[in-house]
All heavy atoms as atom14 arrays in JSON, in Angstrom:
{
  "sequence": "CKSNVNQSIYDGLMVLQHRGQDAAGIMTSADNRLYLRKA",
  "atom14_mask": [
    [1, 1, 1, 1, 1, 1, 0, 0, 0, 0, 0, 0, 0, 0],
    [1, 1, 1, 1, 1, 1, 1, 1, 1, 0, 0, 0, 0, 0],
    [1, 1, 1, 1, 1, 1, 0, 0, 0, 0, 0, 0, 0, 0],
    [1, 1, 1, 1, 1, 1, 1, 1, 0, 0, 0, 0, 0, 0],
    [1, 1, 1, 1, 1, 1, 1, 0, 0, 0, 0, 0, 0, 0],
    [1, 1, 1, 1, 1, 1, 1, 1, 0, 0, 0, 0, 0, 0],
    [1, 1, 1, 1, 1, 1, 1, 1, 1, 0, 0, 0, 0, 0],
    [1, 1, 1, 1, 1, 1, 0, 0, 0, 0, 0, 0, 0, 0],
    [1, 1, 1, 1, 1, 1, 1, 1, 0, 0, 0, 0, 0, 0],
    [1, 1, 1, 1, 1, 1, 1, 1, 1, 1, 1, 1, 0, 0],
    [1, 1, 1, 1, 1, 1, 1, 1, 0, 0, 0, 0, 0, 0],
    [1, 1, 1, 1, 0, 0, 0, 0, 0, 0, 0, 0, 0, 0],
    [1, 1, 1, 1, 1, 1, 1, 1, 0, 0, 0, 0, 0, 0],
    [1, 1, 1, 1, 1, 1, 1, 1, 0, 0, 0, 0, 0, 0],
    [1, 1, 1, 1, 1, 1, 1, 0, 0, 0, 0, 0, 0, 0],
    [1, 1, 1, 1, 1, 1, 1, 1, 0, 0, 0, 0, 0, 0],
    [1, 1, 1, 1, 1, 1, 1, 1, 1, 0, 0, 0, 0, 0],
    [1, 1, 1, 1, 1, 1, 1, 1, 1, 1, 0, 0, 0, 0],
    [1, 1, 1, 1, 1, 1, 1, 1, 1, 1, 1, 0, 0, 0],
    [1, 1, 1, 1, 0, 0, 0, 0, 0, 0, 0, 0, 0, 0],
    [1, 1, 1, 1, 1, 1, 1, 1, 1, 0, 0, 0, 0, 0],
    [1, 1, 1, 1, 1, 1, 1, 1, 0, 0, 0, 0, 0, 0],
    [1, 1, 1, 1, 1, 0, 0, 0, 0, 0, 0, 0, 0, 0],
    [1, 1, 1, 1, 1, 0, 0, 0, 0, 0, 0, 0, 0, 0],
    [1, 1, 1, 1, 0, 0, 0, 0, 0, 0, 0, 0, 0, 0],
    [1, 1, 1, 1, 1, 1, 1, 1, 0, 0, 0, 0, 0, 0],
    [1, 1, 1, 1, 1, 1, 1, 1, 0, 0, 0, 0, 0, 0],
    [1, 1, 1, 1, 1, 1, 1, 0, 0, 0, 0, 0, 0, 0],
    [1, 1, 1, 1, 1, 1, 0, 0, 0, 0, 0, 0, 0, 0],
    [1, 1, 1, 1, 1, 0, 0, 0, 0, 0, 0, 0, 0, 0],
    [1, 1, 1, 1, 1, 1, 1, 1, 0, 0, 0, 0, 0, 0],
    [1, 1, 1, 1, 1, 1, 1, 1, 0, 0, 0, 0, 0, 0],
    [1, 1, 1, 1, 1, 1, 1, 1, 1, 1, 1, 0, 0, 0],
    [1, 1, 1, 1, 1, 1, 1, 1, 0, 0, 0, 0, 0, 0],
    [1, 1, 1, 1, 1, 1, 1, 1, 1, 1, 1, 1, 0, 0],
    [1, 1, 1, 1, 1, 1, 1, 1, 0, 0, 0, 0, 0, 0],
    [1, 1, 1, 1, 1, 1, 1, 1, 1, 1, 1, 0, 0, 0],
    [1, 1, 1, 1, 1, 1, 1, 1, 1, 0, 0, 0, 0, 0],
    [1, 1, 1, 1, 1, 0, 0, 0, 0, 0, 0, 0, 0, 0]
  ],
  "atom14_positions": [
    [[0.85, -1.19, 0.0], [0.07, 0.04, -0.05], [0.86, 1.26, -0.06], [2.13, 1.17, 0.06], [-0.92, -0.02, 1.23], [-2.25, -1.31, 1.15], [0.0, 0.0, 0.0], [0.0, 0.0, 0.0], [0.0, 0.0, 0.0], [0.0, 0.0, 0.0], [0.0, 0.0, 0.0], [0.0, 0.0, 0.0], [0.0, 0.0, 0.0], [0.0, 0.0, 0.0]],
    [[0.19, 2.39, 0.02], [0.86, 3.61, 0.1], [0.89, 4.21, 1.44], [1.5, 5.27, 1.69], [0.17, 4.6, -0.92], [0.01, 4.19, -2.37], [1.44, 3.93, -2.96], [1.27, 3.43, -4.4], [2.59, 3.13, -5.01], [0.0, 0.0, 0.0], [0.0, 0.0, 0.0], [0.0, 0.0, 0.0], [0.0, 0.0, 0.0], [0.0, 0.0, 0.0]],
    [[0.36, 3.6, 2.38], [0.42, 3.88, 3.8], [0.42, 2.67, 4.65], [0.51, 1.59, 4.05], [-0.89, 4.76, 4.13], [-2.06, 4.02, 3.83], [0.0, 0.0, 0.0], [0.0, 0.0, 0.0], [0.0, 0.0, 0.0], [0.0, 0.0, 0.0], [0.0, 0.0, 0.0], [0.0, 0.0, 0.0], [0.0, 0.0, 0.0], [0.0, 0.0, 0.0]],
    [[0.53, 2.82, 5.95], [0.7, 1.66, 6.84], [-0.42, 0.69, 6.58], [-1.57, 0.88, 6.43], [0.6, 2.17, 8.23], [1.93, 2.78, 8.75], [3.01, 2.61, 8.1], [1.97, 3.45, 9.82], [0.0, 0.0, 0.0], [0.0, 0.0, 0.0], [0.0, 0.0, 0.0], [0.0, 0.0, 0.0], [0.0, 0.0, 0.0], [0.0, 0.0, 0.0]],
    [[0.08, -0.7, 6.53], [-0.89, -1.72, 6.22], [-1.41, -2.46, 7.47], [-2.19, -3.36, 7.28], [-0.15, -2.73, 5.26], [0.14, -2.06, 3.99], [1.08, -3.41, 5.95], [0.0, 0.0, 0.0], [0.0, 0.0, 0.0], [0.0, 0.0, 0.0], [0.0, 0.0, 0.0], [0.0, 0.0, 0.0], [0.0, 0.0, 0.0], [0.0, 0.0, 0.0]],
    [[-0.96, -2.07, 8.66], [-1.27, -2.91, 9.87], [-2.84, -3.03, 10.07], [-3.26, -4.13, 10.29], [-0.68, -2.25, 11.11], [-0.84, -0.8, 11.23], [-1.61, -0.14, 10.41], [-0.17, -0.15, 12.18], [0.0, 0.0, 0.0], [0.0, 0.0, 0.0], [0.0, 0.0, 0.0], [0.0, 0.0, 0.0], [0.0, 0.0, 0.0], [0.0, 0.0, 0.0]],
    [[-3.56, -1.95, 9.93], [-4.96, -2.01, 10.23], [-5.68, -2.75, 9.13], [-6.59, -3.6, 9.37], [-5.6, -0.61, 10.3], [-7.03, -0.58, 10.75], [-7.23, -1.14, 12.17], [-6.62, -0.67, 13.09], [-8.16, -2.15, 12.31], [0.0, 0.0, 0.0], [0.0, 0.0, 0.0], [0.0, 0.0, 0.0], [0.0, 0.0, 0.0], [0.0, 0.0, 0.0]],
    [[-5.3, -2.61, 7.89], [-5.9, -3.43, 6.75], [-5.7, -4.9, 6.85], [-6.6, -5.71, 6.65], [-5.42, -2.84, 5.46], [-5.8, -1.5, 5.15], [0.0, 0.0, 0.0], [0.0, 0.0, 0.0], [0.0, 0.0, 0.0], [0.0, 0.0, 0.0], [0.0, 0.0, 0.0], [0.0, 0.0, 0.0], [0.0, 0.0, 0.0], [0.0, 0.0, 0.0]],
    [[-4.39, -5.23, 7.28], [-4.25, -6.74, 7.43], [-5.02, -7.23, 8.61], [-5.66, -8.33, 8.48], [-2.71, -6.99, 7.71], [-1.92, -6.57, 6.5], [-2.46, -8.35, 8.11], [-0.34, -6.67, 6.62], [0.0, 0.0, 0.0], [0.0, 0.0, 0.0], [0.0, 0.0, 0.0], [0.0, 0.0, 0.0], [0.0, 0.0, 0.0], [0.0, 0.0, 0.0]],
    [[-5.11, -6.41, 9.75], [-5.9, -6.87, 10.84], [-7.36, -7.1, 10.34], [-8.05, -8.1, 10.63], [-5.85, -5.86, 11.97], [-6.73, -6.17, 13.13], [-6.2, -6.79, 14.28], [-8.02, -5.74, 13.19], [-7.02, -7.06, 15.36], [-8.92, -6.0, 14.22], [-8.38, -6.69, 15.4], [-9.18, -6.85, 16.42], [0.0, 0.0, 0.0], [0.0, 0.0, 0.0]],
    [[-7.92, -6.1, 9.66], [-9.35, -6.18, 9.24], [-9.5, -7.42, 8.31], [-10.54, -8.06, 8.32], [-9.73, -4.91, 8.55], [-9.79, -3.71, 9.56], [-9.84, -3.97, 10.77], [-9.74, -2.55, 9.05], [0.0, 0.0, 0.0], [0.0, 0.0, 0.0], [0.0, 0.0, 0.0], [0.0, 0.0, 0.0], [0.0, 0.0, 0.0], [0.0, 0.0, 0.0]],
    [[-8.58, -7.56, 7.4], [-8.64, -8.69, 6.45], [-8.64, -10.06, 7.29], [-9.32, -10.99, 6.94], [0.0, 0.0, 0.0], [0.0, 0.0, 0.0], [0.0, 0.0, 0.0], [0.0, 0.0, 0.0], [0.0, 0.0, 0.0], [0.0, 0.0, 0.0], [0.0, 0.0, 0.0], [0.0, 0.0, 0.0], [0.0, 0.0, 0.0], [0.0, 0.0, 0.0]],
    [[-7.73, -10.19, 8.29], [-7.72, -11.43, 8.96], [-9.02, -11.65, 9.75], [-9.34, -12.82, 9.97], [-6.51, -11.46, 9.93], [-5.16, -11.41, 9.35], [-4.08, -11.44, 10.45], [-4.98, -12.66, 8.47], [0.0, 0.0, 0.0], [0.0, 0.0, 0.0], [0.0, 0.0, 0.0], [0.0, 0.0, 0.0], [0.0, 0.0, 0.0], [0.0, 0.0, 0.0]],
    [[-9.61, -10.69, 10.27], [-10.9, -10.8, 10.94], [-11.9, -11.38, 9.96], [-12.74, -12.32, 10.38], [-11.36, -9.45, 11.44], [-10.65, -8.82, 12.62], [-10.97, -9.72, 14.13], [-12.6, -9.23, 14.5], [0.0, 0.0, 0.0], [0.0, 0.0, 0.0], [0.0, 0.0, 0.0], [0.0, 0.0, 0.0], [0.0, 0.0, 0.0], [0.0, 0.0, 0.0]],
    [[-11.84, -11.0, 8.7], [-12.85, -11.61, 7.71], [-12.49, -13.06, 7.43], [-13.38, -13.81, 7.06], [-12.82, -10.73, 6.47], [-13.68, -11.34, 5.38], [-13.25, -9.31, 6.76], [0.0, 0.0, 0.0], [0.0, 0.0, 0.0], [0.0, 0.0, 0.0], [0.0, 0.0, 0.0], [0.0, 0.0, 0.0], [0.0, 0.0, 0.0], [0.0, 0.0, 0.0]],
    [[-11.31, -13.46, 7.61], [-10.81, -14.73, 7.25], [-10.63, -15.64, 8.59], [-10.2, -16.81, 8.46], [-9.37, -14.76, 6.6], [-9.3, -14.1, 5.23], [-7.85, -14.01, 4.73], [-10.19, -14.8, 4.19], [0.0, 0.0, 0.0], [0.0, 0.0, 0.0], [0.0, 0.0, 0.0], [0.0, 0.0, 0.0], [0.0, 0.0, 0.0], [0.0, 0.0, 0.0]],
    [[-11.25, -15.08, 9.65], [-11.13, -15.85, 10.85], [-11.68, -17.28, 10.8], [-11.21, -18.25, 11.47], [-11.78, -15.03, 12.07], [-11.71, -15.59, 13.34], [-10.29, -15.4, 14.01], [-10.02, -14.31, 14.51], [-9.34, -16.39, 13.86], [0.0, 0.0, 0.0], [0.0, 0.0, 0.0], [0.0, 0.0, 0.0], [0.0, 0.0, 0.0], [0.0, 0.0, 0.0]],
    [[-12.79, -17.45, 9.97], [-13.36, -18.77, 9.87], [-12.38, -19.87, 9.33], [-12.6, -21.09, 9.55], [-14.55, -18.77, 8.95], [-14.17, -18.31, 7.53], [-13.84, -17.07, 7.1], [-14.1, -19.07, 6.37], [-13.55, -17.01, 5.91], [-13.77, -18.21, 5.27], [0.0, 0.0, 0.0], [0.0, 0.0, 0.0], [0.0, 0.0, 0.0], [0.0, 0.0, 0.0]],
    [[-11.27, -19.47, 8.68], [-10.24, -20.37, 8.22], [-9.27, -20.83, 9.23], [-8.49, -21.69, 8.95], [-9.61, -19.74, 6.94], [-10.46, -19.38, 5.82], [-9.64, -18.95, 4.57], [-9.02, -20.14, 4.01], [-9.55, -21.01, 3.13], [-10.83, -20.78, 2.74], [-8.85, -22.04, 2.71], [0.0, 0.0, 0.0], [0.0, 0.0, 0.0], [0.0, 0.0, 0.0]],
    [[-9.28, -20.21, 10.43], [-8.38, -20.65, 11.41], [-8.54, -19.86, 12.67], [-8.47, -18.64, 12.65], [0.0, 0.0, 0.0], [0.0, 0.0, 0.0], [0.0, 0.0, 0.0], [0.0, 0.0, 0.0], [0.0, 0.0, 0.0], [0.0, 0.0, 0.0], [0.0, 0.0, 0.0], [0.0, 0.0, 0.0], [0.0, 0.0, 0.0], [0.0, 0.0, 0.0]],
    [[-8.71, -20.57, 13.79], [-9.0, -19.89, 15.11], [-7.97, -20.24, 16.15], [-8.09, -19.94, 17.35], [-10.37, -20.17, 15.63], [-11.5, -19.77, 14.66], [-12.88, -20.08, 15.14], [-12.99, -20.77, 16.15], [-13.86, -19.48, 14.52], [0.0, 0.0, 0.0], [0.0, 0.0, 0.0], [0.0, 0.0, 0.0], [0.0, 0.0, 0.0], [0.0, 0.0, 0.0]],
    [[-6.93, -20.91, 15.74], [-5.86, -21.4, 16.74], [-4.84, -20.4, 16.95], [-4.27, -20.19, 18.07], [-5.22, -22.72, 16.14], [-4.38, -23.35, 17.1], [-4.83, -23.77, 18.22], [-3.15, -23.38, 16.98], [0.0, 0.0, 0.0], [0.0, 0.0, 0.0], [0.0, 0.0, 0.0], [0.0, 0.0, 0.0], [0.0, 0.0, 0.0], [0.0, 0.0, 0.0]],
    [[-4.4, -19.61, 15.91], [-3.28, -18.66, 16.05], [-3.48, -17.61, 14.94], [-4.05, -17.86, 13.97], [-1.98, -19.38, 15.98], [0.0, 0.0, 0.0], [0.0, 0.0, 0.0], [0.0, 0.0, 0.0], [0.0, 0.0, 0.0], [0.0, 0.0, 0.0], [0.0, 0.0, 0.0], [0.0, 0.0, 0.0], [0.0, 0.0, 0.0], [0.0, 0.0, 0.0]],
    [[-2.77, -16.5, 15.15], [-2.79, -15.4, 14.18], [-1.47, -14.65, 14.11], [-0.74, -14.68, 15.24], [-3.91, -14.41, 14.48], [0.0, 0.0, 0.0], [0.0, 0.0, 0.0], [0.0, 0.0, 0.0], [0.0, 0.0, 0.0], [0.0, 0.0, 0.0], [0.0, 0.0, 0.0], [0.0, 0.0, 0.0], [0.0, 0.0, 0.0], [0.0, 0.0, 0.0]],
    [[-1.12, -14.09, 13.14], [0.23, -13.42, 13.04], [0.2, -12.35, 11.91], [-0.5, -12.44, 10.89], [0.0, 0.0, 0.0], [0.0, 0.0, 0.0], [0.0, 0.0, 0.0], [0.0, 0.0, 0.0], [0.0, 0.0, 0.0], [0.0, 0.0, 0.0], [0.0, 0.0, 0.0], [0.0, 0.0, 0.0], [0.0, 0.0, 0.0], [0.0, 0.0, 0.0]],
    [[0.96, -11.26, 12.09], [1.2, -10.2, 11.15], [2.71, -9.82, 11.16], [3.33, -9.75, 12.27], [0.44, -8.94, 11.41], [-1.17, -9.19, 11.3], [0.76, -7.78, 10.53], [-1.96, -8.0, 11.7], [0.0, 0.0, 0.0], [0.0, 0.0, 0.0], [0.0, 0.0, 0.0], [0.0, 0.0, 0.0], [0.0, 0.0, 0.0], [0.0, 0.0, 0.0]],
    [[3.24, -9.64, 9.93], [4.59, -9.18, 9.83], [4.61, -8.07, 8.79], [4.02, -8.22, 7.65], [5.58, -10.27, 9.36], [7.1, -9.79, 9.25], [8.24, -11.13, 9.05], [8.59, -11.6, 10.73], [0.0, 0.0, 0.0], [0.0, 0.0, 0.0], [0.0, 0.0, 0.0], [0.0, 0.0, 0.0], [0.0, 0.0, 0.0], [0.0, 0.0, 0.0]],
    [[5.22, -6.94, 9.1], [5.3, -5.84, 8.22], [6.68, -5.5, 7.95], [7.63, -5.83, 8.69], [4.5, -4.66, 8.83], [5.18, -4.2, 10.13], [3.09, -4.91, 9.0], [0.0, 0.0, 0.0], [0.0, 0.0, 0.0], [0.0, 0.0, 0.0], [0.0, 0.0, 0.0], [0.0, 0.0, 0.0], [0.0, 0.0, 0.0], [0.0, 0.0, 0.0]],
    [[6.95, -4.59, 6.99], [8.3, -4.17, 6.63], [8.38, -2.67, 6.36], [7.54, -2.06, 5.72], [8.78, -4.83, 5.31], [9.98, -4.44, 4.88], [0.0, 0.0, 0.0], [0.0, 0.0, 0.0], [0.0, 0.0, 0.0], [0.0, 0.0, 0.0], [0.0, 0.0, 0.0], [0.0, 0.0, 0.0], [0.0, 0.0, 0.0], [0.0, 0.0, 0.0]],
    [[9.35, -2.03, 6.91], [9.58, -0.62, 6.72], [11.09, -0.31, 6.85], [11.72, -0.67, 7.94], [8.77, 0.25, 7.8], [0.0, 0.0, 0.0], [0.0, 0.0, 0.0], [0.0, 0.0, 0.0], [0.0, 0.0, 0.0], [0.0, 0.0, 0.0], [0.0, 0.0, 0.0], [0.0, 0.0, 0.0], [0.0, 0.0, 0.0], [0.0, 0.0, 0.0]],
    [[11.66, 0.42, 5.87], [13.0, 0.86, 5.93], [13.99, -0.41, 6.05], [14.91, -0.39, 6.95], [13.26, 1.86, 6.88], [12.41, 3.07, 6.72], [12.31, 3.5, 5.54], [11.98, 3.72, 7.72], [0.0, 0.0, 0.0], [0.0, 0.0, 0.0], [0.0, 0.0, 0.0], [0.0, 0.0, 0.0], [0.0, 0.0, 0.0], [0.0, 0.0, 0.0]],
    [[13.61, -1.52, 5.42], [14.47, -2.76, 5.42], [14.49, -3.4, 6.89], [15.36, -4.13, 7.18], [15.84, -2.45, 4.94], [15.97, -2.25, 3.45], [15.04, -2.74, 2.76], [16.73, -1.38, 3.07], [0.0, 0.0, 0.0], [0.0, 0.0, 0.0], [0.0, 0.0, 0.0], [0.0, 0.0, 0.0], [0.0, 0.0, 0.0], [0.0, 0.0, 0.0]],
    [[13.49, -3.02, 7.71], [13.34, -3.64, 8.99], [12.01, -4.38, 9.02], [11.07, -4.03, 8.28], [13.36, -2.63, 10.15], [14.73, -1.98, 10.36], [14.72, -1.16, 11.56], [14.47, -1.94, 12.8], [14.42, -1.49, 14.0], [14.59, -0.09, 14.18], [14.25, -2.26, 15.0], [0.0, 0.0, 0.0], [0.0, 0.0, 0.0], [0.0, 0.0, 0.0]],
    [[11.93, -5.5, 9.71], [10.71, -6.3, 9.9], [10.2, -6.17, 11.25], [10.94, -6.17, 12.28], [11.03, -7.71, 9.57], [11.47, -8.07, 8.08], [11.91, -9.46, 7.94], [10.31, -7.71, 7.07], [0.0, 0.0, 0.0], [0.0, 0.0, 0.0], [0.0, 0.0, 0.0], [0.0, 0.0, 0.0], [0.0, 0.0, 0.0], [0.0, 0.0, 0.0]],
    [[8.84, -6.18, 11.29], [8.06, -6.06, 12.58], [7.13, -7.16, 12.6], [6.3, -7.47, 11.73], [7.31, -4.77, 12.73], [8.29, -3.57, 12.53], [8.61, -2.97, 11.29], [8.97, -3.01, 13.67], [9.48, -1.96, 11.19], [9.81, -1.84, 13.5], [10.05, -1.41, 12.29], [10.91, -0.32, 12.06], [0.0, 0.0, 0.0], [0.0, 0.0, 0.0]],
    [[7.15, -8.0, 13.67], [6.27, -9.14, 13.81], [5.49, -9.23, 15.14], [6.04, -8.89, 16.24], [7.26, -10.35, 13.7], [6.63, -11.79, 14.07], [5.6, -12.14, 12.98], [7.71, -12.83, 14.18], [0.0, 0.0, 0.0], [0.0, 0.0, 0.0], [0.0, 0.0, 0.0], [0.0, 0.0, 0.0], [0.0, 0.0, 0.0], [0.0, 0.0, 0.0]],
    [[4.36, -9.72, 15.03], [3.5, -10.04, 16.2], [2.66, -11.41, 15.82], [1.93, -11.3, 14.87], [2.49, -8.91, 16.61], [1.41, -9.35, 17.54], [2.01, -9.84, 18.92], [0.9, -10.19, 19.89], [1.08, -10.87, 21.05], [2.34, -11.05, 21.43], [0.07, -11.21, 21.75], [0.0, 0.0, 0.0], [0.0, 0.0, 0.0], [0.0, 0.0, 0.0]],
    [[2.83, -12.35, 16.59], [2.1, -13.56, 16.37], [1.94, -14.3, 17.69], [2.79, -14.33, 18.55], [2.74, -14.54, 15.34], [4.16, -15.03, 15.64], [4.69, -15.97, 14.56], [5.97, -16.49, 14.87], [6.47, -17.5, 13.85], [0.0, 0.0, 0.0], [0.0, 0.0, 0.0], [0.0, 0.0, 0.0], [0.0, 0.0, 0.0], [0.0, 0.0, 0.0]],
    [[0.84, -14.96, 17.85], [0.49, -15.73, 19.09], [-0.68, -16.63, 18.9], [-1.37, -16.5, 17.92], [0.32, -14.81, 20.23], [0.0, 0.0, 0.0], [0.0, 0.0, 0.0], [0.0, 0.0, 0.0], [0.0, 0.0, 0.0], [0.0, 0.0, 0.0], [0.0, 0.0, 0.0], [0.0, 0.0, 0.0], [0.0, 0.0, 0.0], [0.0, 0.0, 0.0]]
  ]
}
């Protein structure tokens, strides 16, 4: 995207929640650094 994708990925995963309810995770990239949250 042209702006931060964190909220859009979250919203998209909410819509796909029926495909998996055991765990969730998001990883993003900015300035050649990676940011991760999963549990």
